[in-house]
Amino acid sequence: MPFLSVEGRPAIPVGRGVTVRTVWGEGIMFSFVEFAFAEALVETHQHPHEQMGICTEGRLELIIGEERREVGVGEIFLVPSNTPHSARALGGPAKALDVFHPPREDYK
């Protein structure tokens, strides 16, 4: 099916004040991430999937491996496979779009 919509997809809780809504194909997944308030947090975790994301609203503090950085709208980040990482909203609500390869079974 060549046209997908995130509308109507369930909101999956992934942290304190953080949910994702996902769509996927055979080899990739989009994850629309919503941080509901300042300090909303995805705790440090890791997974075998490669992940790339872009901040689409607000500001985030990301820790990827040993590196900590604040990112704003339009800034892109890469999380290599099996790398510990976390994300926290700064100053208010925020949104991001993450892409996973391969798709995460736990987000389907």
C-alpha atoms as a PDB file:
ATOM      1  CA  MET A   1       0.000   0.000   0.000  1.00  0.00           C
ATOM      2  CA  PRO A   2       1.775   3.148  -1.198  1.00  0.00           C
ATOM      3  CA  PHE A   3      -0.093   5.725   0.932  1.00  0.00           C
ATOM      4  CA  LEU A   4      -0.078   5.605   4.723  1.00  0.00           C
ATOM      5  CA  SER A   5      -1.425   7.843   7.480  1.00  0.00           C
ATOM      6  CA  VAL A   6      -0.417   8.300  11.097  1.00  0.00           C
ATOM      7  CA  GLU A   7      -3.987   9.465  11.852  1.00  0.00           C
ATOM      8  CA  GLY A   8      -5.793   6.859  13.885  1.00  0.00           C
ATOM      9  CA  ARG A   9      -2.600   4.997  14.791  1.00  0.00           C
ATOM     10  CA  PRO A  10      -2.379   4.205  18.515  1.00  0.00           C
ATOM     11  CA  ALA A  11      -0.156   6.364  20.731  1.00  0.00           C
ATOM     12  CA  ILE A  12       2.470   4.056  22.261  1.00  0.00           C
ATOM     13  CA  PRO A  13       3.923   5.311  25.561  1.00  0.00           C
ATOM     14  CA  VAL A  14       7.740   5.192  25.524  1.00  0.00           C
ATOM     15  CA  GLY A  15       8.641   7.394  28.490  1.00  0.00           C
ATOM     16  CA  ARG A  16       7.367   9.897  31.035  1.00  0.00           C
ATOM     17  CA  GLY A  17       5.146  12.182  28.935  1.00  0.00           C
ATOM     18  CA  VAL A  18       6.378  10.720  25.616  1.00  0.00           C
ATOM     19  CA  THR A  19       4.391   8.782  23.021  1.00  0.00           C
ATOM     20  CA  VAL A  20       5.046   7.554  19.485  1.00  0.00           C
ATOM     21  CA  ARG A  21       2.760   6.818  16.548  1.00  0.00           C
ATOM     22  CA  THR A  22       4.273   4.663  13.823  1.00  0.00           C
ATOM     23  CA  VAL A  23       3.886   3.661  10.189  1.00  0.00           C
ATOM     24  CA  TRP A  24       6.175   1.212   8.413  1.00  0.00           C
ATOM     25  CA  GLY A  25       7.092  -0.596   5.274  1.00  0.00           C
ATOM     26  CA  GLU A  26       9.121  -3.731   4.717  1.00  0.00           C
ATOM     27  CA  GLY A  27      12.497  -2.239   5.664  1.00  0.00           C
ATOM     28  CA  ILE A  28      11.890   1.139   7.378  1.00  0.00           C
ATOM     29  CA  MET A  29       9.662   2.696  10.019  1.00  0.00           C
ATOM     30  CA  PHE A  30       8.616   6.288  10.736  1.00  0.00           C
ATOM     31  CA  SER A  31       8.005   7.078  14.405  1.00  0.00           C
ATOM     32  CA  PHE A  32       6.265  10.388  15.150  1.00  0.00           C
ATOM     33  CA  VAL A  33       7.416  11.277  18.674  1.00  0.00           C
ATOM     34  CA  GLU A  34       5.510  13.666  20.964  1.00  0.00           C
ATOM     35  CA  PHE A  35       7.012  15.066  24.171  1.00  0.00           C
ATOM     36  CA  ALA A  36       3.946  16.425  26.011  1.00  0.00           C
ATOM     37  CA  PHE A  37       5.705  18.872  28.354  1.00  0.00           C
ATOM     38  CA  ALA A  38       9.081  20.274  29.429  1.00  0.00           C
ATOM     39  CA  GLU A  39      11.255  17.547  30.949  1.00  0.00           C
ATOM     40  CA  ALA A  40       9.239  14.757  29.262  1.00  0.00           C
ATOM     41  CA  LEU A  41      11.802  11.970  29.039  1.00  0.00           C
ATOM     42  CA  VAL A  42      12.774   8.821  27.189  1.00  0.00           C
ATOM     43  CA  GLU A  43      15.183   7.089  29.589  1.00  0.00           C
ATOM     44  CA  THR A  44      18.520   5.687  28.412  1.00  0.00           C
ATOM     45  CA  HIS A  45      17.992   2.570  26.312  1.00  0.00           C
ATOM     46  CA  GLN A  46      19.451   0.827  23.287  1.00  0.00           C
ATOM     47  CA  HIS A  47      18.235  -1.411  20.485  1.00  0.00           C
ATOM     48  CA  PRO A  48      19.699  -3.197  17.452  1.00  0.00           C
ATOM     49  CA  HIS A  49      17.934  -0.857  15.013  1.00  0.00           C
ATOM     50  CA  GLU A  50      19.738   2.037  13.353  1.00  0.00           C
ATOM     51  CA  GLN A  51      17.830   5.251  14.125  1.00  0.00           C
ATOM     52  CA  MET A  52      17.935   8.686  12.524  1.00  0.00           C
ATOM     53  CA  GLY A  53      15.712  11.565  13.584  1.00  0.00           C
ATOM     54  CA  ILE A  54      14.879  15.219  13.139  1.00  0.00           C
ATOM     55  CA  CYS A  55      13.445  17.645  15.677  1.00  0.00           C
ATOM     56  CA  THR A  56      10.238  19.095  14.188  1.00  0.00           C
ATOM     57  CA  GLU A  57       9.007  21.285  17.085  1.00  0.00           C
ATOM     58  CA  GLY A  58      10.554  22.661  20.270  1.00  0.00           C
ATOM     59  CA  ARG A  59      13.963  21.697  21.653  1.00  0.00           C
ATOM     60  CA  LEU A  60      15.420  18.391  22.815  1.00  0.00           C
ATOM     61  CA  GLU A  61      18.432  17.339  24.810  1.00  0.00           C
ATOM     62  CA  LEU A  62      19.845  14.127  23.368  1.00  0.00           C
ATOM     63  CA  ILE A  63      22.513  11.913  24.845  1.00  0.00           C
ATOM     64  CA  ILE A  64      23.876   9.473  22.259  1.00  0.00           C
ATOM     65  CA  GLY A  65      26.688   7.307  23.540  1.00  0.00           C
ATOM     66  CA  GLU A  66      29.005   9.686  25.394  1.00  0.00           C
ATOM     67  CA  GLU A  67      27.858  12.847  23.565  1.00  0.00           C
ATOM     68  CA  ARG A  68      25.220  15.272  24.911  1.00  0.00           C
ATOM     69  CA  ARG A  69      23.695  17.934  22.669  1.00  0.00           C
ATOM     70  CA  GLU A  70      20.691  20.257  22.461  1.00  0.00           C
ATOM     71  CA  VAL A  71      18.873  20.168  19.131  1.00  0.00           C
ATOM     72  CA  GLY A  72      16.187  22.425  17.704  1.00  0.00           C
ATOM     73  CA  VAL A  73      13.836  22.404  14.750  1.00  0.00           C
ATOM     74  CA  GLY A  74      15.473  21.034  11.622  1.00  0.00           C
ATOM     75  CA  GLU A  75      18.458  19.497  13.380  1.00  0.00           C
ATOM     76  CA  ILE A  76      19.160  15.844  12.600  1.00  0.00           C
ATOM     77  CA  PHE A  77      20.671  13.120  14.774  1.00  0.00           C
ATOM     78  CA  LEU A  78      21.919   9.579  14.180  1.00  0.00           C
ATOM     79  CA  VAL A  79      21.851   6.727  16.696  1.00  0.00           C
ATOM     80  CA  PRO A  80      23.984   3.795  15.548  1.00  0.00           C
ATOM     81  CA  SER A  81      22.810   0.261  16.267  1.00  0.00           C
ATOM     82  CA  ASN A  82      23.168  -0.828  19.923  1.00  0.00           C
ATOM     83  CA  THR A  83      24.221   2.650  21.142  1.00  0.00           C
ATOM     84  CA  PRO A  84      22.787   3.811  24.494  1.00  0.00           C
ATOM     85  CA  HIS A  85      20.739   7.002  24.090  1.00  0.00           C
ATOM     86  CA  SER A  86      18.084   9.168  25.755  1.00  0.00           C
ATOM     87  CA  ALA A  87      15.956  12.226  24.908  1.00  0.00           C
ATOM     88  CA  ARG A  88      14.405  14.999  27.013  1.00  0.00           C
ATOM     89  CA  ALA A  89      12.193  17.954  26.058  1.00  0.00           C
ATOM     90  CA  LEU A  90      13.610  21.361  26.980  1.00  0.00           C
ATOM     91  CA  GLY A  91      11.484  24.383  27.870  1.00  0.00           C
ATOM     92  CA  GLY A  92       8.138  22.942  26.772  1.00  0.00           C
ATOM     93  CA  PRO A  93       6.521  20.381  24.491  1.00  0.00           C
ATOM     94  CA  ALA A  94       8.511  19.057  21.532  1.00  0.00           C
ATOM     95  CA  LYS A  95       8.140  16.731  18.560  1.00  0.00           C
ATOM     96  CA  ALA A  96      10.507  14.647  16.469  1.00  0.00           C
ATOM     97  CA  LEU A  97      10.345  12.251  13.564  1.00  0.00           C
ATOM     98  CA  ASP A  98      12.481   9.127  13.952  1.00  0.00           C
ATOM     99  CA  VAL A  99      13.275   6.628  11.205  1.00  0.00           C
ATOM    100  CA  PHE A 100      14.245   3.052  12.103  1.00  0.00           C
ATOM    101  CA  HIS A 101      15.880   0.333  10.049  1.00  0.00           C
ATOM    102  CA  PRO A 102      14.709  -2.333  10.253  1.00  0.00           C
ATOM    103  CA  PRO A 103      11.219  -1.564  11.621  1.00  0.00           C
ATOM    104  CA  ARG A 104      10.840  -2.130  15.371  1.00  0.00           C
ATOM    105  CA  GLU A 105       8.521  -5.036  16.080  1.00  0.00           C
ATOM    106  CA  ASP A 106       7.672  -3.570  19.511  1.00  0.00           C
ATOM    107  CA  TYR A 107       6.306  -0.418  17.833  1.00  0.00           C
ATOM    108  CA  LYS A 108       4.030  -2.224  15.347  1.00  0.00           C
END
